[in-house]
Amino acid sequence: MIRVLLADDQHLIRAGFRALLDAEPDIEVVGEAATGADAVRLARSLRPDVILMDIRMPGGDGIDATAAILGEDAVPEVRVIMLTTFELDDYIIDSIRAGASGFLVKDTEPEELIRAVRAVSDGDALLSPSVTRRVLAR
């Protein structure tokens, strides 16, 4: 079972992701965070396999939260997928530098999000196709 933590400041987004992921037989949402600080705290206490992390949140953004989760006092074997509506180059680069395993935009198809959770859980890294094109164009 892949254990997932959702981190997004918008309750409706978290509820949608929860409904989508909980419908999968091999995925279980184990917690939800509305701030970066809550994401760090819950990652340490719940020890999920994958965190879906929004970039722009109050209480510490997703990039800072990812760096804290994967940094010096790292949560063992957790993988982070960054989710955002903003495909800014700085966000992409900063997310990768913070240790994120994936970067997806929020208009990603539901099936692609599910595949991404499974792939990152298996140790793969991924970027959404539009992000890959932007990175390669640099």
N, C-alpha and C. Protein backbone atom coordinates (compact mmCIF):
# COMPACT_ATOMS: atom_id res chain seq x y z
N MET A 1 0.84 -1.18 0.00
CA MET A 1 0.00 0.00 0.00
C MET A 1 0.89 1.25 0.00
N ILE A 2 0.62 2.18 -0.92
CA ILE A 2 1.35 3.44 -0.99
C ILE A 2 0.64 4.45 -0.08
N ARG A 3 1.38 4.94 0.91
CA ARG A 3 0.81 5.89 1.88
C ARG A 3 1.13 7.32 1.42
N VAL A 4 0.07 8.14 1.27
CA VAL A 4 0.22 9.47 0.70
C VAL A 4 -0.21 10.55 1.69
N LEU A 5 0.58 11.61 1.77
CA LEU A 5 0.23 12.81 2.53
C LEU A 5 -0.08 13.91 1.52
N LEU A 6 -1.21 14.59 1.69
CA LEU A 6 -1.60 15.70 0.83
C LEU A 6 -1.26 17.01 1.52
N ALA A 7 -0.58 17.91 0.83
CA ALA A 7 -0.24 19.21 1.39
C ALA A 7 -0.66 20.31 0.41
N ASP A 8 -1.76 20.97 0.72
CA ASP A 8 -2.29 22.05 -0.11
C ASP A 8 -3.14 22.94 0.77
N ASP A 9 -3.05 24.24 0.60
CA ASP A 9 -3.82 25.14 1.46
C ASP A 9 -5.30 25.21 1.08
N GLN A 10 -5.68 24.67 -0.05
CA GLN A 10 -7.08 24.70 -0.48
C GLN A 10 -7.76 23.36 -0.16
N HIS A 11 -8.75 23.44 0.72
CA HIS A 11 -9.46 22.23 1.16
C HIS A 11 -10.08 21.48 -0.02
N LEU A 12 -10.66 22.20 -0.97
CA LEU A 12 -11.31 21.55 -2.10
C LEU A 12 -10.32 20.74 -2.93
N ILE A 13 -9.13 21.27 -3.12
CA ILE A 13 -8.08 20.54 -3.85
C ILE A 13 -7.72 19.26 -3.09
N ARG A 14 -7.51 19.38 -1.79
CA ARG A 14 -7.17 18.18 -0.99
C ARG A 14 -8.29 17.15 -1.06
N ALA A 15 -9.53 17.60 -0.97
CA ALA A 15 -10.67 16.67 -1.01
C ALA A 15 -10.74 15.96 -2.36
N GLY A 16 -10.48 16.68 -3.44
CA GLY A 16 -10.48 16.06 -4.76
C GLY A 16 -9.38 15.04 -4.92
N PHE A 17 -8.16 15.39 -4.48
CA PHE A 17 -7.05 14.44 -4.54
C PHE A 17 -7.33 13.22 -3.67
N ARG A 18 -7.90 13.45 -2.49
CA ARG A 18 -8.21 12.33 -1.59
C ARG A 18 -9.21 11.37 -2.26
N ALA A 19 -10.27 11.91 -2.84
CA ALA A 19 -11.28 11.06 -3.49
C ALA A 19 -10.65 10.26 -4.63
N LEU A 20 -9.83 10.91 -5.42
CA LEU A 20 -9.17 10.25 -6.55
C LEU A 20 -8.24 9.14 -6.08
N LEU A 21 -7.39 9.43 -5.12
CA LEU A 21 -6.37 8.47 -4.69
C LEU A 21 -6.95 7.36 -3.82
N ASP A 22 -7.89 7.69 -2.94
CA ASP A 22 -8.48 6.65 -2.08
C ASP A 22 -9.29 5.63 -2.88
N ALA A 23 -9.66 5.97 -4.11
CA ALA A 23 -10.39 5.03 -4.96
C ALA A 23 -9.48 3.95 -5.54
N GLU A 24 -8.18 4.14 -5.41
CA GLU A 24 -7.21 3.17 -5.93
C GLU A 24 -6.93 2.11 -4.86
N PRO A 25 -6.92 0.83 -5.25
CA PRO A 25 -6.75 -0.23 -4.25
C PRO A 25 -5.37 -0.26 -3.59
N ASP A 26 -4.36 0.34 -4.23
CA ASP A 26 -3.00 0.28 -3.69
C ASP A 26 -2.51 1.61 -3.12
N ILE A 27 -3.42 2.59 -2.98
CA ILE A 27 -3.04 3.91 -2.49
C ILE A 27 -3.95 4.30 -1.33
N GLU A 28 -3.35 4.85 -0.27
CA GLU A 28 -4.12 5.29 0.89
C GLU A 28 -3.64 6.68 1.31
N VAL A 29 -4.56 7.63 1.38
CA VAL A 29 -4.23 8.96 1.89
C VAL A 29 -4.23 8.87 3.41
N VAL A 30 -3.08 9.16 4.02
CA VAL A 30 -2.93 9.01 5.47
C VAL A 30 -3.01 10.33 6.23
N GLY A 31 -2.99 11.45 5.51
CA GLY A 31 -3.07 12.73 6.19
C GLY A 31 -3.17 13.88 5.23
N GLU A 32 -3.56 15.05 5.78
CA GLU A 32 -3.69 16.27 5.01
C GLU A 32 -3.09 17.43 5.78
N ALA A 33 -2.38 18.30 5.06
CA ALA A 33 -1.78 19.49 5.66
C ALA A 33 -2.20 20.71 4.84
N ALA A 34 -2.46 21.82 5.54
CA ALA A 34 -2.87 23.05 4.87
C ALA A 34 -1.75 24.09 4.84
N THR A 35 -0.64 23.82 5.53
CA THR A 35 0.50 24.73 5.55
C THR A 35 1.79 23.93 5.38
N GLY A 36 2.85 24.65 5.03
CA GLY A 36 4.15 23.99 4.94
C GLY A 36 4.60 23.42 6.26
N ALA A 37 4.37 24.17 7.34
CA ALA A 37 4.77 23.70 8.67
C ALA A 37 4.02 22.43 9.06
N ASP A 38 2.72 22.38 8.75
CA ASP A 38 1.94 21.17 9.03
C ASP A 38 2.44 19.99 8.21
N ALA A 39 2.84 20.26 6.96
CA ALA A 39 3.36 19.19 6.10
C ALA A 39 4.61 18.58 6.71
N VAL A 40 5.50 19.42 7.22
CA VAL A 40 6.74 18.92 7.84
C VAL A 40 6.40 18.08 9.07
N ARG A 41 5.54 18.62 9.92
CA ARG A 41 5.16 17.92 11.15
C ARG A 41 4.50 16.57 10.84
N LEU A 42 3.55 16.57 9.90
CA LEU A 42 2.84 15.32 9.57
C LEU A 42 3.75 14.33 8.85
N ALA A 43 4.66 14.81 8.02
CA ALA A 43 5.60 13.90 7.36
C ALA A 43 6.44 13.16 8.38
N ARG A 44 6.86 13.87 9.42
CA ARG A 44 7.68 13.23 10.45
C ARG A 44 6.89 12.26 11.31
N SER A 45 5.62 12.57 11.57
CA SER A 45 4.83 11.68 12.44
C SER A 45 4.17 10.54 11.68
N LEU A 46 3.71 10.79 10.45
CA LEU A 46 2.98 9.75 9.70
C LEU A 46 3.89 8.90 8.82
N ARG A 47 5.05 9.44 8.45
CA ARG A 47 6.02 8.74 7.59
C ARG A 47 5.37 8.17 6.31
N PRO A 48 4.81 9.05 5.48
CA PRO A 48 4.20 8.59 4.23
C PRO A 48 5.27 8.14 3.24
N ASP A 49 4.83 7.44 2.21
CA ASP A 49 5.73 7.06 1.13
C ASP A 49 5.89 8.21 0.14
N VAL A 50 4.78 8.92 -0.11
CA VAL A 50 4.74 10.00 -1.10
C VAL A 50 4.00 11.19 -0.50
N ILE A 51 4.51 12.38 -0.78
CA ILE A 51 3.81 13.61 -0.40
C ILE A 51 3.48 14.38 -1.67
N LEU A 52 2.21 14.72 -1.85
CA LEU A 52 1.81 15.64 -2.91
C LEU A 52 1.83 17.03 -2.29
N MET A 53 2.76 17.87 -2.72
CA MET A 53 3.07 19.14 -2.06
C MET A 53 2.79 20.33 -2.97
N ASP A 54 1.86 21.18 -2.56
CA ASP A 54 1.63 22.44 -3.25
C ASP A 54 2.84 23.35 -3.01
N ILE A 55 3.16 24.17 -3.99
CA ILE A 55 4.30 25.06 -3.82
C ILE A 55 3.94 26.29 -2.98
N ARG A 56 2.83 26.92 -3.30
CA ARG A 56 2.48 28.17 -2.62
C ARG A 56 1.46 27.91 -1.52
N MET A 57 1.93 27.93 -0.28
CA MET A 57 1.08 27.73 0.89
C MET A 57 1.52 28.69 1.98
N PRO A 58 0.61 29.03 2.89
CA PRO A 58 1.03 29.83 4.04
C PRO A 58 1.81 28.96 5.03
N GLY A 59 2.47 29.60 5.97
CA GLY A 59 3.17 28.84 7.00
C GLY A 59 4.37 28.09 6.46
N GLY A 60 5.07 28.68 5.51
CA GLY A 60 6.20 28.01 4.88
C GLY A 60 5.77 27.39 3.58
N ASP A 61 6.38 27.79 2.47
CA ASP A 61 5.93 27.26 1.18
C ASP A 61 6.36 25.81 0.99
N GLY A 62 5.88 25.21 -0.08
CA GLY A 62 6.14 23.80 -0.34
C GLY A 62 7.60 23.49 -0.60
N ILE A 63 8.32 24.44 -1.18
CA ILE A 63 9.74 24.21 -1.44
C ILE A 63 10.51 24.16 -0.13
N ASP A 64 10.24 25.11 0.76
CA ASP A 64 10.90 25.09 2.07
C ASP A 64 10.52 23.85 2.87
N ALA A 65 9.24 23.47 2.80
CA ALA A 65 8.79 22.27 3.51
C ALA A 65 9.48 21.02 2.96
N THR A 66 9.62 20.95 1.64
CA THR A 66 10.30 19.81 1.02
C THR A 66 11.75 19.74 1.47
N ALA A 67 12.42 20.89 1.48
CA ALA A 67 13.82 20.92 1.94
C ALA A 67 13.93 20.47 3.39
N ALA A 68 12.98 20.87 4.22
CA ALA A 68 13.00 20.46 5.64
C ALA A 68 12.74 18.96 5.78
N ILE A 69 11.82 18.44 4.99
CA ILE A 69 11.46 17.01 5.07
C ILE A 69 12.60 16.13 4.56
N LEU A 70 13.26 16.59 3.50
CA LEU A 70 14.29 15.77 2.87
C LEU A 70 15.71 16.17 3.26
N GLY A 71 15.84 17.16 4.14
CA GLY A 71 17.14 17.70 4.50
C GLY A 71 17.86 16.92 5.57
N GLU A 72 18.53 17.65 6.44
CA GLU A 72 19.41 17.08 7.45
C GLU A 72 18.73 16.02 8.32
N ASP A 73 17.54 16.31 8.80
CA ASP A 73 16.78 15.34 9.61
C ASP A 73 15.73 14.66 8.74
N ALA A 74 16.16 14.10 7.63
CA ALA A 74 15.25 13.59 6.61
C ALA A 74 14.30 12.52 7.13
N VAL A 75 13.08 12.56 6.59
CA VAL A 75 12.11 11.50 6.83
C VAL A 75 12.53 10.35 5.92
N PRO A 76 12.78 9.16 6.46
CA PRO A 76 13.30 8.06 5.65
C PRO A 76 12.37 7.66 4.50
N GLU A 77 12.97 7.54 3.32
CA GLU A 77 12.33 6.96 2.14
C GLU A 77 11.05 7.66 1.69
N VAL A 78 10.86 8.92 2.03
CA VAL A 78 9.71 9.65 1.52
C VAL A 78 10.09 10.30 0.20
N ARG A 79 9.14 10.38 -0.71
CA ARG A 79 9.31 11.03 -2.00
C ARG A 79 8.30 12.17 -2.08
N VAL A 80 8.69 13.27 -2.70
CA VAL A 80 7.81 14.44 -2.80
C VAL A 80 7.53 14.74 -4.27
N ILE A 81 6.25 14.92 -4.58
CA ILE A 81 5.82 15.41 -5.89
C ILE A 81 5.30 16.82 -5.67
N MET A 82 5.91 17.79 -6.33
CA MET A 82 5.45 19.17 -6.24
C MET A 82 4.29 19.37 -7.21
N LEU A 83 3.26 20.06 -6.73
CA LEU A 83 2.09 20.37 -7.54
C LEU A 83 1.87 21.87 -7.53
N THR A 84 1.61 22.44 -8.70
CA THR A 84 1.39 23.88 -8.75
C THR A 84 0.57 24.26 -9.97
N THR A 85 -0.01 25.42 -9.91
CA THR A 85 -0.66 25.99 -11.10
C THR A 85 0.32 26.89 -11.84
N PHE A 86 1.48 27.11 -11.24
CA PHE A 86 2.46 28.05 -11.78
C PHE A 86 3.68 27.30 -12.31
N GLU A 87 3.88 27.33 -13.63
CA GLU A 87 5.03 26.66 -14.24
C GLU A 87 6.21 27.62 -14.36
N LEU A 88 6.59 28.22 -13.27
CA LEU A 88 7.71 29.16 -13.30
C LEU A 88 9.03 28.39 -13.21
N ASP A 89 9.99 28.80 -14.04
CA ASP A 89 11.28 28.11 -14.06
C ASP A 89 11.93 28.05 -12.69
N ASP A 90 11.84 29.14 -11.93
CA ASP A 90 12.44 29.15 -10.60
C ASP A 90 11.82 28.10 -9.69
N TYR A 91 10.50 27.91 -9.79
CA TYR A 91 9.83 26.89 -8.98
C TYR A 91 10.33 25.50 -9.35
N ILE A 92 10.49 25.26 -10.63
CA ILE A 92 10.94 23.94 -11.09
C ILE A 92 12.35 23.67 -10.56
N ILE A 93 13.24 24.61 -10.77
CA ILE A 93 14.64 24.43 -10.35
C ILE A 93 14.74 24.33 -8.83
N ASP A 94 14.04 25.22 -8.12
CA ASP A 94 14.10 25.19 -6.65
C ASP A 94 13.51 23.90 -6.09
N SER A 95 12.48 23.38 -6.73
CA SER A 95 11.88 22.11 -6.28
C SER A 95 12.86 20.96 -6.42
N ILE A 96 13.53 20.91 -7.55
CA ILE A 96 14.51 19.84 -7.78
C ILE A 96 15.67 19.98 -6.80
N ARG A 97 16.12 21.20 -6.58
CA ARG A 97 17.21 21.42 -5.62
C ARG A 97 16.82 21.03 -4.20
N ALA A 98 15.54 21.22 -3.86
CA ALA A 98 15.06 20.85 -2.52
C ALA A 98 14.94 19.34 -2.35
N GLY A 99 15.02 18.61 -3.48
CA GLY A 99 14.99 17.15 -3.41
C GLY A 99 13.72 16.51 -3.90
N ALA A 100 12.81 17.29 -4.48
CA ALA A 100 11.56 16.71 -4.99
C ALA A 100 11.85 15.68 -6.07
N SER A 101 11.05 14.63 -6.09
CA SER A 101 11.19 13.57 -7.09
C SER A 101 10.34 13.82 -8.32
N GLY A 102 9.38 14.75 -8.21
CA GLY A 102 8.49 15.02 -9.32
C GLY A 102 7.95 16.43 -9.28
N PHE A 103 7.48 16.89 -10.43
CA PHE A 103 6.91 18.23 -10.55
C PHE A 103 5.78 18.13 -11.55
N LEU A 104 4.56 18.38 -11.08
CA LEU A 104 3.38 18.32 -11.94
C LEU A 104 2.58 19.61 -11.82
N VAL A 105 1.91 19.97 -12.90
CA VAL A 105 0.98 21.09 -12.84
C VAL A 105 -0.39 20.55 -12.46
N LYS A 106 -1.20 21.40 -11.83
CA LYS A 106 -2.47 20.93 -11.29
C LYS A 106 -3.50 20.59 -12.36
N ASP A 107 -3.25 20.95 -13.62
CA ASP A 107 -4.19 20.53 -14.66
C ASP A 107 -3.81 19.18 -15.27
N THR A 108 -2.92 18.46 -14.61
CA THR A 108 -2.55 17.10 -15.01
C THR A 108 -3.78 16.21 -14.99
N GLU A 109 -3.89 15.32 -15.93
CA GLU A 109 -5.02 14.38 -15.97
C GLU A 109 -4.99 13.48 -14.74
N PRO A 110 -6.15 13.12 -14.21
CA PRO A 110 -6.21 12.28 -13.01
C PRO A 110 -5.39 10.99 -13.13
N GLU A 111 -5.47 10.33 -14.28
CA GLU A 111 -4.74 9.08 -14.46
C GLU A 111 -3.23 9.31 -14.39
N GLU A 112 -2.79 10.46 -14.89
CA GLU A 112 -1.37 10.79 -14.85
C GLU A 112 -0.90 11.03 -13.42
N LEU A 113 -1.73 11.65 -12.61
CA LEU A 113 -1.39 11.87 -11.20
C LEU A 113 -1.24 10.54 -10.48
N ILE A 114 -2.16 9.63 -10.73
CA ILE A 114 -2.10 8.30 -10.11
C ILE A 114 -0.82 7.57 -10.55
N ARG A 115 -0.52 7.63 -11.85
CA ARG A 115 0.72 7.00 -12.35
C ARG A 115 1.94 7.64 -11.70
N ALA A 116 1.90 8.95 -11.52
CA ALA A 116 3.03 9.66 -10.92
C ALA A 116 3.26 9.21 -9.48
N VAL A 117 2.20 9.06 -8.71
CA VAL A 117 2.33 8.59 -7.33
C VAL A 117 2.98 7.21 -7.31
N ARG A 118 2.53 6.34 -8.17
CA ARG A 118 3.10 4.98 -8.22
C ARG A 118 4.56 5.01 -8.67
N ALA A 119 4.86 5.81 -9.69
CA ALA A 119 6.23 5.86 -10.21
C ALA A 119 7.20 6.42 -9.17
N VAL A 120 6.83 7.50 -8.52
CA VAL A 120 7.70 8.11 -7.51
C VAL A 120 7.86 7.17 -6.32
N SER A 121 6.79 6.48 -5.95
CA SER A 121 6.87 5.51 -4.87
C SER A 121 7.87 4.40 -5.19
N ASP A 122 7.98 4.06 -6.47
CA ASP A 122 8.92 3.03 -6.91
C ASP A 122 10.35 3.56 -7.06
N GLY A 123 10.55 4.86 -6.79
CA GLY A 123 11.88 5.42 -6.86
C GLY A 123 12.20 6.19 -8.12
N ASP A 124 11.24 6.30 -9.04
CA ASP A 124 11.47 7.05 -10.27
C ASP A 124 11.29 8.54 -10.02
N ALA A 125 11.85 9.35 -10.91
CA ALA A 125 11.65 10.79 -10.89
C ALA A 125 10.85 11.17 -12.12
N LEU A 126 10.09 12.25 -12.03
CA LEU A 126 9.30 12.64 -13.20
C LEU A 126 9.01 14.12 -13.21
N LEU A 127 8.85 14.62 -14.42
CA LEU A 127 8.38 15.98 -14.66
C LEU A 127 7.21 15.88 -15.62
N SER A 128 6.22 16.74 -15.45
CA SER A 128 5.11 16.73 -16.39
C SER A 128 5.65 17.08 -17.77
N PRO A 129 4.99 16.63 -18.85
CA PRO A 129 5.50 16.89 -20.20
C PRO A 129 5.75 18.37 -20.49
N SER A 130 4.85 19.24 -20.06
CA SER A 130 5.04 20.67 -20.33
C SER A 130 6.26 21.21 -19.59
N VAL A 131 6.50 20.72 -18.39
CA VAL A 131 7.67 21.15 -17.61
C VAL A 131 8.94 20.62 -18.26
N THR A 132 8.91 19.39 -18.72
CA THR A 132 10.07 18.81 -19.40
C THR A 132 10.45 19.65 -20.62
N ARG A 133 9.46 20.05 -21.41
CA ARG A 133 9.74 20.89 -22.58
C ARG A 133 10.39 22.20 -22.17
N ARG A 134 9.90 22.82 -21.09
CA ARG A 134 10.47 24.09 -20.62
C ARG A 134 11.92 23.91 -20.18
N VAL A 135 12.19 22.86 -19.44
CA VAL A 135 13.55 22.62 -18.95
C VAL A 135 14.50 22.36 -20.11
N LEU A 136 14.07 21.57 -21.08
CA LEU A 136 14.93 21.26 -22.22
C LEU A 136 15.16 22.47 -23.12
N ALA A 137 14.22 23.40 -23.13
CA ALA A 137 14.35 24.60 -23.96
C ALA A 137 15.36 25.59 -23.39
N ARG A 138 15.73 25.42 -22.13
CA ARG A 138 16.67 26.37 -21.48
C ARG A 138 18.05 26.21 -21.97
